[in-house]
Amino acid sequence: MKALIFAAGKGTRLKPFTDHHPKALAEVNGIPLLERNIRFLQGFGIQDFVINIHHFGSQITDFLKKRDCFGARIEISDESEELLETGGGLMFARHLLDHGEDFLIMNADILTDLNISDFIREHQRNHHFVTLAVSDRESSRKLLFNEEMVLRGWLNVKTGEQRLAEFNKGFRALAFSGIHCISPQIFNKIKRTGKFSIMEEYLDLMQTEMIHGYLHNARIIDVGKPGSVAEAEKYFK
């Protein structure tokens, strides 16, 4: 299975580090996030990667060359001309991913101890269209699932704004973990072009496709701001 690692973002919450570096190279206990996640996924047998780049992208390519790509096969999806967000970035990398097999997506700034093999196994055993790793934790935005763990909506916890596929029948609100397993069928379903969020597309697709949540209790840390780096260093040595 291939894994797409989103590493193109500007990482504004990690300033001043990201004034001069990509957030994917921010270090936790001296190890860059990108290295941690490549090695993490390699631990589950994944050796094929696509990494999208934009903000100080050359630093990422130089870093990978110096480390001999950690012995993995790594292809670069270069968004230097325009940052396309997650959905646009996925479609831009289509030619590297659309080969008839399911693939994994992971944000570069997520650190976790989730069992990726179990996650993939659940997705493939049930022939899911999309499987999203989710957990019951604090988050300003949550996804809403029915009893069968099928995506039925989205909630802004702070404002109460919702987007629903149907009347809210006591849907379960869970936080997205930044990890997806996806069927290549998605490339023929996405309607948007250019720059857009994959979550916006999911919220459209939930009307016609079965997008499932995979509930877990693994540790998830979004290393998006300096305070979270200190938190991550407590758990990821």
C-alpha atoms as a PDB file:
ATOM      1  CA  MET A   1       0.000   0.000   0.000  1.00  0.00           C
ATOM      2  CA  LYS A   2       1.137   3.513  -0.791  1.00  0.00           C
ATOM      3  CA  ALA A   3       0.913   6.306   1.749  1.00  0.00           C
ATOM      4  CA  LEU A   4       0.421   9.967   0.920  1.00  0.00           C
ATOM      5  CA  ILE A   5       1.904  12.249   3.569  1.00  0.00           C
ATOM      6  CA  PHE A   6       0.580  15.800   3.498  1.00  0.00           C
ATOM      7  CA  ALA A   7       3.652  17.976   4.111  1.00  0.00           C
ATOM      8  CA  ALA A   8       2.863  21.064   2.022  1.00  0.00           C
ATOM      9  CA  GLY A   9       1.165  23.284   4.604  1.00  0.00           C
ATOM     10  CA  LYS A  10       2.602  26.590   5.794  1.00  0.00           C
ATOM     11  CA  GLY A  11       2.346  25.665   9.463  1.00  0.00           C
ATOM     12  CA  THR A  12       1.491  29.174  10.625  1.00  0.00           C
ATOM     13  CA  ARG A  13       0.744  27.942  14.157  1.00  0.00           C
ATOM     14  CA  LEU A  14       4.369  26.796  14.437  1.00  0.00           C
ATOM     15  CA  LYS A  15       5.875  30.222  13.867  1.00  0.00           C
ATOM     16  CA  PRO A  16       8.631  31.349  14.192  1.00  0.00           C
ATOM     17  CA  PHE A  17      10.053  27.941  13.139  1.00  0.00           C
ATOM     18  CA  THR A  18       7.969  27.922   9.961  1.00  0.00           C
ATOM     19  CA  ASP A  19       9.162  31.388   8.966  1.00  0.00           C
ATOM     20  CA  HIS A  20      12.251  29.619   7.661  1.00  0.00           C
ATOM     21  CA  HIS A  21      11.376  25.889   7.535  1.00  0.00           C
ATOM     22  CA  PRO A  22       8.536  23.538   6.562  1.00  0.00           C
ATOM     23  CA  LYS A  23       6.505  22.277   9.529  1.00  0.00           C
ATOM     24  CA  ALA A  24       7.222  18.679   8.466  1.00  0.00           C
ATOM     25  CA  LEU A  25      10.830  19.218   9.592  1.00  0.00           C
ATOM     26  CA  ALA A  26       9.900  20.499  13.054  1.00  0.00           C
ATOM     27  CA  GLU A  27      11.599  18.235  15.567  1.00  0.00           C
ATOM     28  CA  VAL A  28      10.233  16.249  18.475  1.00  0.00           C
ATOM     29  CA  ASN A  29      13.083  15.086  20.699  1.00  0.00           C
ATOM     30  CA  GLY A  30      15.529  15.878  17.890  1.00  0.00           C
ATOM     31  CA  ILE A  31      13.726  13.863  15.204  1.00  0.00           C
ATOM     32  CA  PRO A  32      11.812  15.653  12.404  1.00  0.00           C
ATOM     33  CA  LEU A  33       8.106  14.903  12.166  1.00  0.00           C
ATOM     34  CA  LEU A  34       8.442  13.664   8.595  1.00  0.00           C
ATOM     35  CA  GLU A  35      11.128  11.167   9.581  1.00  0.00           C
ATOM     36  CA  ARG A  36       9.050   9.981  12.509  1.00  0.00           C
ATOM     37  CA  ASN A  37       6.021   9.299  10.331  1.00  0.00           C
ATOM     38  CA  ILE A  38       7.937   7.620   7.530  1.00  0.00           C
ATOM     39  CA  ARG A  39       9.597   5.292  10.036  1.00  0.00           C
ATOM     40  CA  PHE A  40       6.292   4.811  11.870  1.00  0.00           C
ATOM     41  CA  LEU A  41       4.554   3.641   8.693  1.00  0.00           C
ATOM     42  CA  GLN A  42       7.542   1.524   7.700  1.00  0.00           C
ATOM     43  CA  GLY A  43       7.004  -0.289  10.981  1.00  0.00           C
ATOM     44  CA  PHE A  44       3.702  -1.524   9.504  1.00  0.00           C
ATOM     45  CA  GLY A  45       5.297  -2.638   6.247  1.00  0.00           C
ATOM     46  CA  ILE A  46       4.609   0.471   4.157  1.00  0.00           C
ATOM     47  CA  GLN A  47       7.546   1.287   1.890  1.00  0.00           C
ATOM     48  CA  ASP A  48       5.936   3.342  -0.881  1.00  0.00           C
ATOM     49  CA  PHE A  49       5.301   7.021  -0.187  1.00  0.00           C
ATOM     50  CA  VAL A  50       4.049  10.119  -1.935  1.00  0.00           C
ATOM     51  CA  ILE A  51       4.894  13.373  -0.151  1.00  0.00           C
ATOM     52  CA  ASN A  52       3.387  16.667  -1.227  1.00  0.00           C
ATOM     53  CA  ILE A  53       5.464  19.807  -0.769  1.00  0.00           C
ATOM     54  CA  HIS A  54       5.039  23.576  -1.072  1.00  0.00           C
ATOM     55  CA  HIS A  55       6.311  25.697   1.841  1.00  0.00           C
ATOM     56  CA  PHE A  56      10.155  25.467   1.783  1.00  0.00           C
ATOM     57  CA  GLY A  57       9.669  22.283  -0.235  1.00  0.00           C
ATOM     58  CA  SER A  58      13.308  22.121  -1.305  1.00  0.00           C
ATOM     59  CA  GLN A  59      14.304  21.639   2.333  1.00  0.00           C
ATOM     60  CA  ILE A  60      12.173  18.492   2.397  1.00  0.00           C
ATOM     61  CA  THR A  61      13.631  17.085  -0.817  1.00  0.00           C
ATOM     62  CA  ASP A  62      17.166  17.870   0.376  1.00  0.00           C
ATOM     63  CA  PHE A  63      16.446  16.218   3.719  1.00  0.00           C
ATOM     64  CA  LEU A  64      15.150  13.066   2.025  1.00  0.00           C
ATOM     65  CA  LYS A  65      18.182  12.882  -0.270  1.00  0.00           C
ATOM     66  CA  LYS A  66      20.571  13.228   2.657  1.00  0.00           C
ATOM     67  CA  ARG A  67      18.781  10.400   4.479  1.00  0.00           C
ATOM     68  CA  ASP A  68      18.597   8.242   1.341  1.00  0.00           C
ATOM     69  CA  CYS A  69      14.796   8.327   1.701  1.00  0.00           C
ATOM     70  CA  PHE A  70      15.146   6.026   4.722  1.00  0.00           C
ATOM     71  CA  GLY A  71      15.380   3.100   2.337  1.00  0.00           C
ATOM     72  CA  ALA A  72      11.829   3.707   1.094  1.00  0.00           C
ATOM     73  CA  ARG A  73      10.464   4.509  -2.369  1.00  0.00           C
ATOM     74  CA  ILE A  74       9.407   8.148  -2.197  1.00  0.00           C
ATOM     75  CA  GLU A  75       7.768  10.225  -4.929  1.00  0.00           C
ATOM     76  CA  ILE A  76       7.267  13.968  -4.592  1.00  0.00           C
ATOM     77  CA  SER A  77       4.075  15.794  -5.522  1.00  0.00           C
ATOM     78  CA  ASP A  78       5.388  19.313  -6.013  1.00  0.00           C
ATOM     79  CA  GLU A  79       2.839  22.055  -5.321  1.00  0.00           C
ATOM     80  CA  SER A  80       5.419  24.851  -5.489  1.00  0.00           C
ATOM     81  CA  GLU A  81       3.272  26.948  -7.823  1.00  0.00           C
ATOM     82  CA  GLU A  82       0.163  26.841  -5.623  1.00  0.00           C
ATOM     83  CA  LEU A  83      -0.743  25.344  -2.260  1.00  0.00           C
ATOM     84  CA  LEU A  84      -3.800  23.215  -3.028  1.00  0.00           C
ATOM     85  CA  GLU A  85      -4.958  22.161   0.484  1.00  0.00           C
ATOM     86  CA  THR A  86      -5.780  18.534   1.230  1.00  0.00           C
ATOM     87  CA  GLY A  87      -8.376  17.848  -1.446  1.00  0.00           C
ATOM     88  CA  GLY A  88      -6.571  19.704  -4.201  1.00  0.00           C
ATOM     89  CA  GLY A  89      -3.323  18.102  -3.094  1.00  0.00           C
ATOM     90  CA  LEU A  90      -4.864  14.643  -3.353  1.00  0.00           C
ATOM     91  CA  MET A  91      -6.148  15.290  -6.879  1.00  0.00           C
ATOM     92  CA  PHE A  92      -2.815  16.818  -7.918  1.00  0.00           C
ATOM     93  CA  ALA A  93      -1.094  13.594  -6.815  1.00  0.00           C
ATOM     94  CA  ARG A  94      -3.627  11.367  -8.586  1.00  0.00           C
ATOM     95  CA  HIS A  95      -1.160  10.158 -11.188  1.00  0.00           C
ATOM     96  CA  LEU A  96       1.011   8.795  -8.368  1.00  0.00           C
ATOM     97  CA  LEU A  97      -1.822   7.117  -6.450  1.00  0.00           C
ATOM     98  CA  ASP A  98      -4.545   6.001  -8.866  1.00  0.00           C
ATOM     99  CA  HIS A  99      -3.319   2.488  -9.643  1.00  0.00           C
ATOM    100  CA  GLY A 100      -6.325   0.420  -8.648  1.00  0.00           C
ATOM    101  CA  GLU A 101      -5.267  -0.106  -5.035  1.00  0.00           C
ATOM    102  CA  ASP A 102      -6.345   1.413  -1.737  1.00  0.00           C
ATOM    103  CA  PHE A 103      -3.960   3.949  -0.226  1.00  0.00           C
ATOM    104  CA  LEU A 104      -3.338   5.642   3.097  1.00  0.00           C
ATOM    105  CA  ILE A 105      -3.230   9.372   3.855  1.00  0.00           C
ATOM    106  CA  MET A 106      -1.574  10.852   6.934  1.00  0.00           C
ATOM    107  CA  ASN A 107      -0.843  14.426   7.957  1.00  0.00           C
ATOM    108  CA  ALA A 108       2.860  15.071   8.524  1.00  0.00           C
ATOM    109  CA  ASP A 109       2.193  16.933  11.774  1.00  0.00           C
ATOM    110  CA  ILE A 110       0.262  14.096  13.438  1.00  0.00           C
ATOM    111  CA  LEU A 111       2.036  11.812  15.879  1.00  0.00           C
ATOM    112  CA  THR A 112       0.234   8.660  16.981  1.00  0.00           C
ATOM    113  CA  ASP A 113       0.636   5.114  18.227  1.00  0.00           C
ATOM    114  CA  LEU A 114      -2.405   3.903  16.283  1.00  0.00           C
ATOM    115  CA  ASN A 115      -2.086   0.333  15.003  1.00  0.00           C
ATOM    116  CA  ILE A 116      -2.077   1.084  11.286  1.00  0.00           C
ATOM    117  CA  SER A 117      -2.315  -2.592  10.315  1.00  0.00           C
ATOM    118  CA  ASP A 118      -5.588  -2.971  12.224  1.00  0.00           C
ATOM    119  CA  PHE A 119      -6.888   0.230  10.655  1.00  0.00           C
ATOM    120  CA  ILE A 120      -6.081  -0.918   7.116  1.00  0.00           C
ATOM    121  CA  ARG A 121      -7.438  -4.407   7.817  1.00  0.00           C
ATOM    122  CA  GLU A 122     -10.784  -2.960   8.922  1.00  0.00           C
ATOM    123  CA  HIS A 123     -10.980  -0.829   5.782  1.00  0.00           C
ATOM    124  CA  GLN A 124     -10.138  -3.653   3.387  1.00  0.00           C
ATOM    125  CA  ARG A 125     -12.106  -6.422   5.086  1.00  0.00           C
ATOM    126  CA  ASN A 126     -15.284  -4.394   4.672  1.00  0.00           C
ATOM    127  CA  HIS A 127     -14.409  -2.975   1.240  1.00  0.00           C
ATOM    128  CA  HIS A 128     -15.001   0.545   2.472  1.00  0.00           C
ATOM    129  CA  PHE A 129     -14.989   3.551   0.158  1.00  0.00           C
ATOM    130  CA  VAL A 130     -13.249   5.738   2.750  1.00  0.00           C
ATOM    131  CA  THR A 131     -12.317   4.970   6.347  1.00  0.00           C
ATOM    132  CA  LEU A 132     -11.448   7.812   8.720  1.00  0.00           C
ATOM    133  CA  ALA A 133      -9.587   7.266  11.991  1.00  0.00           C
ATOM    134  CA  VAL A 134     -11.559   9.023  14.736  1.00  0.00           C
ATOM    135  CA  SER A 135     -11.507   9.180  18.516  1.00  0.00           C
ATOM    136  CA  ASP A 136     -13.509  10.599  21.402  1.00  0.00           C
ATOM    137  CA  ARG A 137     -11.369  13.571  22.393  1.00  0.00           C
ATOM    138  CA  GLU A 138     -11.583  17.346  22.575  1.00  0.00           C
ATOM    139  CA  SER A 139     -11.697  19.172  19.257  1.00  0.00           C
ATOM    140  CA  SER A 140     -13.319  22.370  18.008  1.00  0.00           C
ATOM    141  CA  ARG A 141     -14.713  20.502  14.997  1.00  0.00           C
ATOM    142  CA  LYS A 142     -16.161  17.028  15.036  1.00  0.00           C
ATOM    143  CA  LEU A 143     -17.548  14.508  12.602  1.00  0.00           C
ATOM    144  CA  LEU A 144     -20.960  12.989  13.261  1.00  0.00           C
ATOM    145  CA  PHE A 145     -21.578   9.256  12.863  1.00  0.00           C
ATOM    146  CA  ASN A 146     -24.641   7.041  13.107  1.00  0.00           C
ATOM    147  CA  GLU A 147     -24.818   3.725  14.983  1.00  0.00           C
ATOM    148  CA  GLU A 148     -23.124   1.933  12.057  1.00  0.00           C
ATOM    149  CA  MET A 149     -20.241   4.434  12.190  1.00  0.00           C
ATOM    150  CA  VAL A 150     -21.208   5.922   8.843  1.00  0.00           C
ATOM    151  CA  LEU A 151     -20.474   9.630   8.394  1.00  0.00           C
ATOM    152  CA  ARG A 152     -23.656  11.706   8.554  1.00  0.00           C
ATOM    153  CA  GLY A 153     -22.430  15.174   9.389  1.00  0.00           C
ATOM    154  CA  TRP A 154     -20.044  17.759  10.797  1.00  0.00           C
ATOM    155  CA  LEU A 155     -20.221  19.996  13.848  1.00  0.00           C
ATOM    156  CA  ASN A 156     -18.450  23.180  14.878  1.00  0.00           C
ATOM    157  CA  VAL A 157     -18.413  22.720  18.636  1.00  0.00           C
ATOM    158  CA  LYS A 158     -17.818  26.416  19.355  1.00  0.00           C
ATOM    159  CA  THR A 159     -20.547  27.896  17.165  1.00  0.00           C
ATOM    160  CA  GLY A 160     -22.987  24.998  16.976  1.00  0.00           C
ATOM    161  CA  GLU A 161     -22.944  25.115  13.170  1.00  0.00           C
ATOM    162  CA  GLN A 162     -23.752  21.748  11.591  1.00  0.00           C
ATOM    163  CA  ARG A 163     -23.751  20.126   8.177  1.00  0.00           C
ATOM    164  CA  LEU A 164     -25.976  17.070   8.086  1.00  0.00           C
ATOM    165  CA  ALA A 165     -26.872  14.361   5.591  1.00  0.00           C
ATOM    166  CA  GLU A 166     -30.118  13.778   7.483  1.00  0.00           C
ATOM    167  CA  PHE A 167     -31.849  14.781  10.701  1.00  0.00           C
ATOM    168  CA  ASN A 168     -29.499  14.353  13.675  1.00  0.00           C
ATOM    169  CA  LYS A 169     -30.775  11.210  15.390  1.00  0.00           C
ATOM    170  CA  GLY A 170     -28.376  11.399  18.279  1.00  0.00           C
ATOM    171  CA  PHE A 171     -25.294  11.060  16.093  1.00  0.00           C
ATOM    172  CA  ARG A 172     -21.980  10.445  17.833  1.00  0.00           C
ATOM    173  CA  ALA A 173     -19.543  13.374  17.635  1.00  0.00           C
ATOM    174  CA  LEU A 174     -15.932  12.251  17.195  1.00  0.00           C
ATOM    175  CA  ALA A 175     -12.671  13.999  16.377  1.00  0.00           C
ATOM    176  CA  PHE A 176     -10.847  13.188  13.132  1.00  0.00           C
ATOM    177  CA  SER A 177      -7.315  11.918  13.637  1.00  0.00           C
ATOM    178  CA  GLY A 178      -5.821  13.052  10.321  1.00  0.00           C
ATOM    179  CA  ILE A 179      -5.467   9.478   9.000  1.00  0.00           C
ATOM    180  CA  HIS A 180      -7.556   8.088   6.137  1.00  0.00           C
ATOM    181  CA  CYS A 181      -7.662   4.858   4.134  1.00  0.00           C
ATOM    182  CA  ILE A 182      -9.180   5.411   0.704  1.00  0.00           C
ATOM    183  CA  SER A 183     -10.370   3.458  -2.304  1.00  0.00           C
ATOM    184  CA  PRO A 184      -9.078   4.816  -5.640  1.00  0.00           C
ATOM    185  CA  GLN A 185     -12.737   5.062  -6.682  1.00  0.00           C
ATOM    186  CA  ILE A 186     -12.667   8.441  -4.980  1.00  0.00           C
ATOM    187  CA  PHE A 187     -10.838   9.976  -7.930  1.00  0.00           C
ATOM    188  CA  ASN A 188     -13.913   9.455 -10.092  1.00  0.00           C
ATOM    189  CA  LYS A 189     -16.272  10.851  -7.452  1.00  0.00           C
ATOM    190  CA  ILE A 190     -14.610  14.135  -6.489  1.00  0.00           C
ATOM    191  CA  LYS A 191     -16.279  17.079  -8.204  1.00  0.00           C
ATOM    192  CA  ARG A 192     -14.132  19.990  -7.018  1.00  0.00           C
ATOM    193  CA  THR A 193     -11.027  21.217  -8.797  1.00  0.00           C
ATOM    194  CA  GLY A 194      -8.154  23.483  -7.823  1.00  0.00           C
ATOM    195  CA  LYS A 195      -7.696  24.354  -4.165  1.00  0.00           C
ATOM    196  CA  PHE A 196     -10.084  22.717  -1.682  1.00  0.00           C
ATOM    197  CA  SER A 197     -10.316  20.709   1.529  1.00  0.00           C
ATOM    198  CA  ILE A 198     -10.851  16.948   1.309  1.00  0.00           C
ATOM    199  CA  MET A 199     -13.205  17.233   4.288  1.00  0.00           C
ATOM    200  CA  GLU A 200     -15.530  19.458   2.258  1.00  0.00           C
ATOM    201  CA  GLU A 201     -15.614  16.748  -0.371  1.00  0.00           C
ATOM    202  CA  TYR A 202     -16.326  14.055   2.219  1.00  0.00           C
ATOM    203  CA  LEU A 203     -19.266  16.086   3.491  1.00  0.00           C
ATOM    204  CA  ASP A 204     -20.654  16.179  -0.045  1.00  0.00           C
ATOM    205  CA  LEU A 205     -19.908  12.522  -0.731  1.00  0.00           C
ATOM    206  CA  MET A 206     -21.603  11.348   2.490  1.00  0.00           C
ATOM    207  CA  GLN A 207     -24.896  11.957   0.669  1.00  0.00           C
ATOM    208  CA  THR A 208     -24.178   9.182  -1.834  1.00  0.00           C
ATOM    209  CA  GLU A 209     -21.204   7.151  -0.544  1.00  0.00           C
ATOM    210  CA  MET A 210     -20.530   5.160   2.634  1.00  0.00           C
ATOM    211  CA  ILE A 211     -17.734   6.918   4.507  1.00  0.00           C
ATOM    212  CA  HIS A 212     -16.927   5.013   7.686  1.00  0.00           C
ATOM    213  CA  GLY A 213     -15.307   5.999  10.941  1.00  0.00           C
ATOM    214  CA  TYR A 214     -12.763   3.770  12.667  1.00  0.00           C
ATOM    215  CA  LEU A 215     -13.052   4.432  16.384  1.00  0.00           C
ATOM    216  CA  HIS A 216      -9.786   4.075  18.304  1.00  0.00           C
ATOM    217  CA  ASN A 217      -8.302   5.063  21.643  1.00  0.00           C
ATOM    218  CA  ALA A 218      -4.708   5.471  20.470  1.00  0.00           C
ATOM    219  CA  ARG A 219      -2.696   8.527  21.415  1.00  0.00           C
ATOM    220  CA  ILE A 220      -2.982  11.331  18.853  1.00  0.00           C
ATOM    221  CA  ILE A 221      -1.073  14.599  19.082  1.00  0.00           C
ATOM    222  CA  ASP A 222      -1.475  17.339  16.500  1.00  0.00           C
ATOM    223  CA  VAL A 223       1.974  18.927  16.577  1.00  0.00           C
ATOM    224  CA  GLY A 224       0.656  22.178  15.184  1.00  0.00           C
ATOM    225  CA  LYS A 225       1.883  24.740  17.695  1.00  0.00           C
ATOM    226  CA  PRO A 226       4.919  25.125  19.998  1.00  0.00           C
ATOM    227  CA  GLY A 227       3.004  23.970  23.083  1.00  0.00           C
ATOM    228  CA  SER A 228       2.080  20.711  21.391  1.00  0.00           C
ATOM    229  CA  VAL A 229       5.738  20.023  20.598  1.00  0.00           C
ATOM    230  CA  ALA A 230       6.464  19.986  24.328  1.00  0.00           C
ATOM    231  CA  GLU A 231       3.494  17.681  24.885  1.00  0.00           C
ATOM    232  CA  ALA A 232       4.617  15.339  22.112  1.00  0.00           C
ATOM    233  CA  GLU A 233       8.105  15.129  23.603  1.00  0.00           C
ATOM    234  CA  LYS A 234       6.644  13.563  26.743  1.00  0.00           C
ATOM    235  CA  TYR A 235       5.318  10.586  24.821  1.00  0.00           C
ATOM    236  CA  PHE A 236       7.341  10.218  21.632  1.00  0.00           C
ATOM    237  CA  LYS A 237      10.992   9.653  22.496  1.00  0.00           C
END
